[in-house]
Amino acid sequence: MKDHAAHRLENKIKVFRAIHDLTQGELALRVGVTRKSVNSIEKGHFVPSTELALRMAAVLECTVEELFQLPADRVDKS
């Protein structure tokens, strides 16, 4: 059984969509994926490719690091 939590990313897509007054569908159209894909990424069920993360950040006028974060329990501070 796969550990889905090991591949989870936290994100602020919804926050940045609100700042830019974009629906999931509008963001999806601008980055070249389906609304369902944006929804899955936003809910943390799917981790985007590096290319898609970069496209989303460009459209939302932020950095990838501002948009996506590792959960605190997955950050190795040693």
PDB file of N, CA and C in Angstrom:
ATOM      1  N   MET A   1       0.840  -1.180   0.000  1.00  0.00           N
ATOM      2  CA  MET A   1       0.000   0.000   0.000  1.00  0.00           C
ATOM      3  C   MET A   1       0.886   1.246   0.000  1.00  0.00           C
ATOM      4  N   LYS A   2       0.584   2.209  -0.873  1.00  0.00           N
ATOM      5  CA  LYS A   2       1.358   3.437  -0.966  1.00  0.00           C
ATOM      6  C   LYS A   2       1.018   4.370   0.187  1.00  0.00           C
ATOM      7  N   ASP A   3       2.027   5.095   0.635  1.00  0.00           N
ATOM      8  CA  ASP A   3       1.818   6.120   1.648  1.00  0.00           C
ATOM      9  C   ASP A   3       1.562   7.439   0.928  1.00  0.00           C
ATOM     10  N   HIS A   4       0.287   7.777   0.755  1.00  0.00           N
ATOM     11  CA  HIS A   4      -0.062   8.999   0.035  1.00  0.00           C
ATOM     12  C   HIS A   4       0.403  10.246   0.768  1.00  0.00           C
ATOM     13  N   ALA A   5       0.505  10.208   2.089  1.00  0.00           N
ATOM     14  CA  ALA A   5       0.951  11.359   2.858  1.00  0.00           C
ATOM     15  C   ALA A   5       2.399  11.719   2.514  1.00  0.00           C
ATOM     16  N   ALA A   6       3.175  10.727   2.095  1.00  0.00           N
ATOM     17  CA  ALA A   6       4.575  10.972   1.755  1.00  0.00           C
ATOM     18  C   ALA A   6       4.710  11.828   0.498  1.00  0.00           C
ATOM     19  N   HIS A   7       3.668  11.921  -0.303  1.00  0.00           N
ATOM     20  CA  HIS A   7       3.713  12.681  -1.544  1.00  0.00           C
ATOM     21  C   HIS A   7       2.824  13.919  -1.484  1.00  0.00           C
ATOM     22  N   ARG A   8       2.396  14.304  -0.288  1.00  0.00           N
ATOM     23  CA  ARG A   8       1.473  15.409  -0.123  1.00  0.00           C
ATOM     24  C   ARG A   8       2.229  16.735  -0.088  1.00  0.00           C
ATOM     25  N   LEU A   9       1.632  17.751  -0.710  1.00  0.00           N
ATOM     26  CA  LEU A   9       2.138  19.107  -0.622  1.00  0.00           C
ATOM     27  C   LEU A   9       1.015  19.994  -0.115  1.00  0.00           C
ATOM     28  N   GLU A  10       1.365  20.932   0.735  1.00  0.00           N
ATOM     29  CA  GLU A  10       0.393  21.949   1.109  1.00  0.00           C
ATOM     30  C   GLU A  10       0.471  23.032   0.042  1.00  0.00           C
ATOM     31  N   ASN A  11      -0.618  23.755  -0.165  1.00  0.00           N
ATOM     32  CA  ASN A  11      -0.581  24.797  -1.175  1.00  0.00           C
ATOM     33  C   ASN A  11      -1.509  25.950  -0.819  1.00  0.00           C
ATOM     34  N   LYS A  12      -1.285  27.050  -1.515  1.00  0.00           N
ATOM     35  CA  LYS A  12      -2.096  28.258  -1.342  1.00  0.00           C
ATOM     36  C   LYS A  12      -2.756  28.650  -2.657  1.00  0.00           C
ATOM     37  N   ILE A  13      -3.083  27.651  -3.467  1.00  0.00           N
ATOM     38  CA  ILE A  13      -3.689  27.920  -4.769  1.00  0.00           C
ATOM     39  C   ILE A  13      -4.986  28.702  -4.611  1.00  0.00           C
ATOM     40  N   LYS A  14      -5.832  28.276  -3.692  1.00  0.00           N
ATOM     41  CA  LYS A  14      -7.121  28.942  -3.507  1.00  0.00           C
ATOM     42  C   LYS A  14      -6.935  30.417  -3.134  1.00  0.00           C
ATOM     43  N   VAL A  15      -5.959  30.692  -2.278  1.00  0.00           N
ATOM     44  CA  VAL A  15      -5.672  32.072  -1.865  1.00  0.00           C
ATOM     45  C   VAL A  15      -5.246  32.908  -3.068  1.00  0.00           C
ATOM     46  N   PHE A  16      -4.307  32.390  -3.849  1.00  0.00           N
ATOM     47  CA  PHE A  16      -3.820  33.141  -5.006  1.00  0.00           C
ATOM     48  C   PHE A  16      -4.876  33.237  -6.106  1.00  0.00           C
ATOM     49  N   ARG A  17      -5.718  32.210  -6.242  1.00  0.00           N
ATOM     50  CA  ARG A  17      -6.831  32.319  -7.203  1.00  0.00           C
ATOM     51  C   ARG A  17      -7.764  33.457  -6.805  1.00  0.00           C
ATOM     52  N   ALA A  18      -8.045  33.572  -5.507  1.00  0.00           N
ATOM     53  CA  ALA A  18      -8.928  34.632  -5.016  1.00  0.00           C
ATOM     54  C   ALA A  18      -8.316  36.015  -5.263  1.00  0.00           C
ATOM     55  N   ILE A  19      -7.015  36.139  -5.029  1.00  0.00           N
ATOM     56  CA  ILE A  19      -6.335  37.410  -5.271  1.00  0.00           C
ATOM     57  C   ILE A  19      -6.501  37.842  -6.719  1.00  0.00           C
ATOM     58  N   HIS A  20      -6.441  36.871  -7.627  1.00  0.00           N
ATOM     59  CA  HIS A  20      -6.534  37.164  -9.065  1.00  0.00           C
ATOM     60  C   HIS A  20      -7.946  36.978  -9.617  1.00  0.00           C
ATOM     61  N   ASP A  21      -8.888  36.705  -8.723  1.00  0.00           N
ATOM     62  CA  ASP A  21     -10.291  36.536  -9.102  1.00  0.00           C
ATOM     63  C   ASP A  21     -10.455  35.498 -10.218  1.00  0.00           C
ATOM     64  N   LEU A  22      -9.827  34.325 -10.005  1.00  0.00           N
ATOM     65  CA  LEU A  22      -9.894  33.236 -10.981  1.00  0.00           C
ATOM     66  C   LEU A  22     -10.643  32.044 -10.395  1.00  0.00           C
ATOM     67  N   THR A  23     -11.466  31.414 -11.206  1.00  0.00           N
ATOM     68  CA  THR A  23     -12.086  30.152 -10.807  1.00  0.00           C
ATOM     69  C   THR A  23     -11.089  29.030 -11.088  1.00  0.00           C
ATOM     70  N   GLN A  24     -11.388  27.849 -10.577  1.00  0.00           N
ATOM     71  CA  GLN A  24     -10.541  26.693 -10.895  1.00  0.00           C
ATOM     72  C   GLN A  24     -10.518  26.463 -12.399  1.00  0.00           C
ATOM     73  N   GLY A  25     -11.655  26.624 -13.040  1.00  0.00           N
ATOM     74  CA  GLY A  25     -11.741  26.418 -14.483  1.00  0.00           C
ATOM     75  C   GLY A  25     -10.899  27.409 -15.271  1.00  0.00           C
ATOM     76  N   GLU A  26     -10.913  28.673 -14.837  1.00  0.00           N
ATOM     77  CA  GLU A  26     -10.115  29.697 -15.519  1.00  0.00           C
ATOM     78  C   GLU A  26      -8.627  29.430 -15.349  1.00  0.00           C
ATOM     79  N   LEU A  27      -8.214  29.054 -14.131  1.00  0.00           N
ATOM     80  CA  LEU A  27      -6.808  28.713 -13.907  1.00  0.00           C
ATOM     81  C   LEU A  27      -6.422  27.506 -14.752  1.00  0.00           C
ATOM     82  N   ALA A  28      -7.275  26.512 -14.770  1.00  0.00           N
ATOM     83  CA  ALA A  28      -7.009  25.300 -15.555  1.00  0.00           C
ATOM     84  C   ALA A  28      -6.791  25.632 -17.028  1.00  0.00           C
ATOM     85  N   LEU A  29      -7.646  26.471 -17.563  1.00  0.00           N
ATOM     86  CA  LEU A  29      -7.535  26.865 -18.970  1.00  0.00           C
ATOM     87  C   LEU A  29      -6.207  27.572 -19.237  1.00  0.00           C
ATOM     88  N   ARG A  30      -5.802  28.424 -18.338  1.00  0.00           N
ATOM     89  CA  ARG A  30      -4.560  29.188 -18.516  1.00  0.00           C
ATOM     90  C   ARG A  30      -3.306  28.331 -18.395  1.00  0.00           C
ATOM     91  N   VAL A  31      -3.368  27.249 -17.607  1.00  0.00           N
ATOM     92  CA  VAL A  31      -2.175  26.406 -17.447  1.00  0.00           C
ATOM     93  C   VAL A  31      -2.235  25.126 -18.277  1.00  0.00           C
ATOM     94  N   GLY A  32      -3.358  24.892 -18.960  1.00  0.00           N
ATOM     95  CA  GLY A  32      -3.445  23.764 -19.884  1.00  0.00           C
ATOM     96  C   GLY A  32      -3.812  22.426 -19.277  1.00  0.00           C
ATOM     97  N   VAL A  33      -4.615  22.444 -18.202  1.00  0.00           N
ATOM     98  CA  VAL A  33      -5.101  21.202 -17.598  1.00  0.00           C
ATOM     99  C   VAL A  33      -6.612  21.309 -17.405  1.00  0.00           C
ATOM    100  N   THR A  34      -7.210  20.264 -16.864  1.00  0.00           N
ATOM    101  CA  THR A  34      -8.644  20.294 -16.609  1.00  0.00           C
ATOM    102  C   THR A  34      -8.940  20.937 -15.254  1.00  0.00           C
ATOM    103  N   ARG A  35     -10.171  21.382 -15.067  1.00  0.00           N
ATOM    104  CA  ARG A  35     -10.596  21.930 -13.787  1.00  0.00           C
ATOM    105  C   ARG A  35     -10.448  20.886 -12.703  1.00  0.00           C
ATOM    106  N   LYS A  36     -10.743  19.629 -13.050  1.00  0.00           N
ATOM    107  CA  LYS A  36     -10.613  18.539 -12.085  1.00  0.00           C
ATOM    108  C   LYS A  36      -9.166  18.391 -11.613  1.00  0.00           C
ATOM    109  N   SER A  37      -8.214  18.587 -12.501  1.00  0.00           N
ATOM    110  CA  SER A  37      -6.792  18.523 -12.112  1.00  0.00           C
ATOM    111  C   SER A  37      -6.452  19.623 -11.126  1.00  0.00           C
ATOM    112  N   VAL A  38      -6.907  20.846 -11.401  1.00  0.00           N
ATOM    113  CA  VAL A  38      -6.657  21.962 -10.482  1.00  0.00           C
ATOM    114  C   VAL A  38      -7.294  21.651  -9.131  1.00  0.00           C
ATOM    115  N   ASN A  39      -8.516  21.135  -9.144  1.00  0.00           N
ATOM    116  CA  ASN A  39      -9.205  20.788  -7.905  1.00  0.00           C
ATOM    117  C   ASN A  39      -8.418  19.744  -7.116  1.00  0.00           C
ATOM    118  N   SER A  40      -7.921  18.717  -7.786  1.00  0.00           N
ATOM    119  CA  SER A  40      -7.158  17.656  -7.122  1.00  0.00           C
ATOM    120  C   SER A  40      -5.858  18.176  -6.522  1.00  0.00           C
ATOM    121  N   ILE A  41      -5.195  19.074  -7.237  1.00  0.00           N
ATOM    122  CA  ILE A  41      -3.952  19.663  -6.727  1.00  0.00           C
ATOM    123  C   ILE A  41      -4.275  20.560  -5.536  1.00  0.00           C
ATOM    124  N   GLU A  42      -5.299  21.391  -5.688  1.00  0.00           N
ATOM    125  CA  GLU A  42      -5.684  22.330  -4.629  1.00  0.00           C
ATOM    126  C   GLU A  42      -6.054  21.605  -3.336  1.00  0.00           C
ATOM    127  N   LYS A  43      -6.697  20.453  -3.455  1.00  0.00           N
ATOM    128  CA  LYS A  43      -7.099  19.677  -2.281  1.00  0.00           C
ATOM    129  C   LYS A  43      -5.964  18.819  -1.722  1.00  0.00           C
ATOM    130  N   GLY A  44      -4.824  18.806  -2.406  1.00  0.00           N
ATOM    131  CA  GLY A  44      -3.683  18.041  -1.928  1.00  0.00           C
ATOM    132  C   GLY A  44      -3.730  16.568  -2.285  1.00  0.00           C
ATOM    133  N   HIS A  45      -4.609  16.193  -3.216  1.00  0.00           N
ATOM    134  CA  HIS A  45      -4.729  14.794  -3.624  1.00  0.00           C
ATOM    135  C   HIS A  45      -3.753  14.429  -4.740  1.00  0.00           C
ATOM    136  N   PHE A  46      -3.188  15.434  -5.375  1.00  0.00           N
ATOM    137  CA  PHE A  46      -2.309  15.204  -6.523  1.00  0.00           C
ATOM    138  C   PHE A  46      -1.155  16.201  -6.453  1.00  0.00           C
ATOM    139  N   VAL A  47       0.062  15.730  -6.676  1.00  0.00           N
ATOM    140  CA  VAL A  47       1.237  16.594  -6.705  1.00  0.00           C
ATOM    141  C   VAL A  47       1.539  16.918  -8.167  1.00  0.00           C
ATOM    142  N   PRO A  48       1.567  18.205  -8.513  1.00  0.00           N
ATOM    143  CA  PRO A  48       1.802  18.572  -9.911  1.00  0.00           C
ATOM    144  C   PRO A  48       3.245  18.335 -10.330  1.00  0.00           C
ATOM    145  N   SER A  49       3.440  18.210 -11.624  1.00  0.00           N
ATOM    146  CA  SER A  49       4.799  18.138 -12.157  1.00  0.00           C
ATOM    147  C   SER A  49       5.479  19.481 -11.915  1.00  0.00           C
ATOM    148  N   THR A  50       6.789  19.490 -12.036  1.00  0.00           N
ATOM    149  CA  THR A  50       7.531  20.737 -11.879  1.00  0.00           C
ATOM    150  C   THR A  50       7.072  21.761 -12.907  1.00  0.00           C
ATOM    151  N   GLU A  51       6.882  21.318 -14.136  1.00  0.00           N
ATOM    152  CA  GLU A  51       6.441  22.227 -15.200  1.00  0.00           C
ATOM    153  C   GLU A  51       5.080  22.839 -14.872  1.00  0.00           C
ATOM    154  N   LEU A  52       4.142  22.018 -14.426  1.00  0.00           N
ATOM    155  CA  LEU A  52       2.816  22.532 -14.103  1.00  0.00           C
ATOM    156  C   LEU A  52       2.873  23.481 -12.909  1.00  0.00           C
ATOM    157  N   ALA A  53       3.668  23.156 -11.909  1.00  0.00           N
ATOM    158  CA  ALA A  53       3.817  24.044 -10.750  1.00  0.00           C
ATOM    159  C   ALA A  53       4.382  25.398 -11.186  1.00  0.00           C
ATOM    160  N   LEU A  54       5.341  25.382 -12.084  1.00  0.00           N
ATOM    161  CA  LEU A  54       5.919  26.625 -12.600  1.00  0.00           C
ATOM    162  C   LEU A  54       4.891  27.415 -13.408  1.00  0.00           C
ATOM    163  N   ARG A  55       4.088  26.730 -14.234  1.00  0.00           N
ATOM    164  CA  ARG A  55       3.045  27.421 -15.002  1.00  0.00           C
ATOM    165  C   ARG A  55       2.002  28.038 -14.082  1.00  0.00           C
ATOM    166  N   MET A  56       1.608  27.304 -13.039  1.00  0.00           N
ATOM    167  CA  MET A  56       0.615  27.821 -12.097  1.00  0.00           C
ATOM    168  C   MET A  56       1.168  29.059 -11.381  1.00  0.00           C
ATOM    169  N   ALA A  57       2.402  28.989 -10.938  1.00  0.00           N
ATOM    170  CA  ALA A  57       3.021  30.125 -10.260  1.00  0.00           C
ATOM    171  C   ALA A  57       3.110  31.339 -11.183  1.00  0.00           C
ATOM    172  N   ALA A  58       3.435  31.116 -12.442  1.00  0.00           N
ATOM    173  CA  ALA A  58       3.531  32.226 -13.393  1.00  0.00           C
ATOM    174  C   ALA A  58       2.168  32.903 -13.578  1.00  0.00           C
ATOM    175  N   VAL A  59       1.133  32.109 -13.762  1.00  0.00           N
ATOM    176  CA  VAL A  59      -0.215  32.663 -13.943  1.00  0.00           C
ATOM    177  C   VAL A  59      -0.668  33.397 -12.687  1.00  0.00           C
ATOM    178  N   LEU A  60      -0.339  32.847 -11.530  1.00  0.00           N
ATOM    179  CA  LEU A  60      -0.774  33.425 -10.262  1.00  0.00           C
ATOM    180  C   LEU A  60       0.209  34.485  -9.731  1.00  0.00           C
ATOM    181  N   GLU A  61       1.238  34.778 -10.526  1.00  0.00           N
ATOM    182  CA  GLU A  61       2.206  35.829 -10.228  1.00  0.00           C
ATOM    183  C   GLU A  61       2.832  35.679  -8.840  1.00  0.00           C
ATOM    184  N   CYS A  62       3.339  34.480  -8.601  1.00  0.00           N
ATOM    185  CA  CYS A  62       4.026  34.200  -7.340  1.00  0.00           C
ATOM    186  C   CYS A  62       5.124  33.179  -7.639  1.00  0.00           C
ATOM    187  N   THR A  63       5.898  32.850  -6.626  1.00  0.00           N
ATOM    188  CA  THR A  63       6.924  31.826  -6.808  1.00  0.00           C
ATOM    189  C   THR A  63       6.312  30.456  -6.498  1.00  0.00           C
ATOM    190  N   VAL A  64       6.963  29.421  -6.971  1.00  0.00           N
ATOM    191  CA  VAL A  64       6.533  28.061  -6.661  1.00  0.00           C
ATOM    192  C   VAL A  64       6.568  27.848  -5.144  1.00  0.00           C
ATOM    193  N   GLU A  65       7.598  28.416  -4.505  1.00  0.00           N
ATOM    194  CA  GLU A  65       7.729  28.270  -3.055  1.00  0.00           C
ATOM    195  C   GLU A  65       6.601  28.959  -2.295  1.00  0.00           C
ATOM    196  N   GLU A  66       6.079  30.051  -2.836  1.00  0.00           N
ATOM    197  CA  GLU A  66       4.932  30.716  -2.213  1.00  0.00           C
ATOM    198  C   GLU A  66       3.656  29.897  -2.408  1.00  0.00           C
ATOM    199  N   LEU A  67       3.577  29.207  -3.522  1.00  0.00           N
ATOM    200  CA  LEU A  67       2.379  28.450  -3.877  1.00  0.00           C
ATOM    201  C   LEU A  67       2.323  27.078  -3.213  1.00  0.00           C
ATOM    202  N   PHE A  68       3.464  26.399  -3.129  1.00  0.00           N
ATOM    203  CA  PHE A  68       3.527  25.041  -2.581  1.00  0.00           C
ATOM    204  C   PHE A  68       4.528  24.958  -1.438  1.00  0.00           C
ATOM    205  N   GLN A  69       4.178  24.201  -0.397  1.00  0.00           N
ATOM    206  CA  GLN A  69       5.062  23.999   0.734  1.00  0.00           C
ATOM    207  C   GLN A  69       5.015  22.536   1.159  1.00  0.00           C
ATOM    208  N   LEU A  70       6.142  22.040   1.665  1.00  0.00           N
ATOM    209  CA  LEU A  70       6.154  20.719   2.280  1.00  0.00           C
ATOM    210  C   LEU A  70       5.461  20.832   3.641  1.00  0.00           C
ATOM    211  N   PRO A  71       4.695  19.816   4.025  1.00  0.00           N
ATOM    212  CA  PRO A  71       4.120  19.827   5.371  1.00  0.00           C
ATOM    213  C   PRO A  71       5.242  19.871   6.408  1.00  0.00           C
ATOM    214  N   ALA A  72       4.995  20.520   7.535  1.00  0.00           N
ATOM    215  CA  ALA A  72       6.015  20.698   8.567  1.00  0.00           C
ATOM    216  C   ALA A  72       6.629  19.370   9.008  1.00  0.00           C
ATOM    217  N   ASP A  73       5.814  18.296   9.028  1.00  0.00           N
ATOM    218  CA  ASP A  73       6.334  16.998   9.459  1.00  0.00           C
ATOM    219  C   ASP A  73       7.232  16.335   8.427  1.00  0.00           C
ATOM    220  N   ARG A  74       7.359  16.922   7.255  1.00  0.00           N
ATOM    221  CA  ARG A  74       8.214  16.362   6.211  1.00  0.00           C
ATOM    222  C   ARG A  74       9.478  17.180   5.975  1.00  0.00           C
ATOM    223  N   VAL A  75       9.671  18.231   6.760  1.00  0.00           N
ATOM    224  CA  VAL A  75      10.849  19.070   6.603  1.00  0.00           C
ATOM    225  C   VAL A  75      11.933  18.577   7.562  1.00  0.00           C
ATOM    226  N   ASP A  76      13.073  18.172   6.980  1.00  0.00           N
ATOM    227  CA  ASP A  76      14.200  17.696   7.775  1.00  0.00           C
ATOM    228  C   ASP A  76      15.061  18.896   8.134  1.00  0.00           C
ATOM    229  N   LYS A  77      15.089  19.243   9.392  1.00  0.00           N
ATOM    230  CA  LYS A  77      15.823  20.437   9.826  1.00  0.00           C
ATOM    231  C   LYS A  77      17.194  20.107  10.387  1.00  0.00           C
ATOM    232  N   SER A  78      17.669  18.873  10.162  1.00  0.00           N
ATOM    233  CA  SER A  78      18.987  18.506  10.716  1.00  0.00           C
ATOM    234  C   SER A  78      20.109  18.867   9.780  1.00  0.00           C
TER     235      SER A  78
END
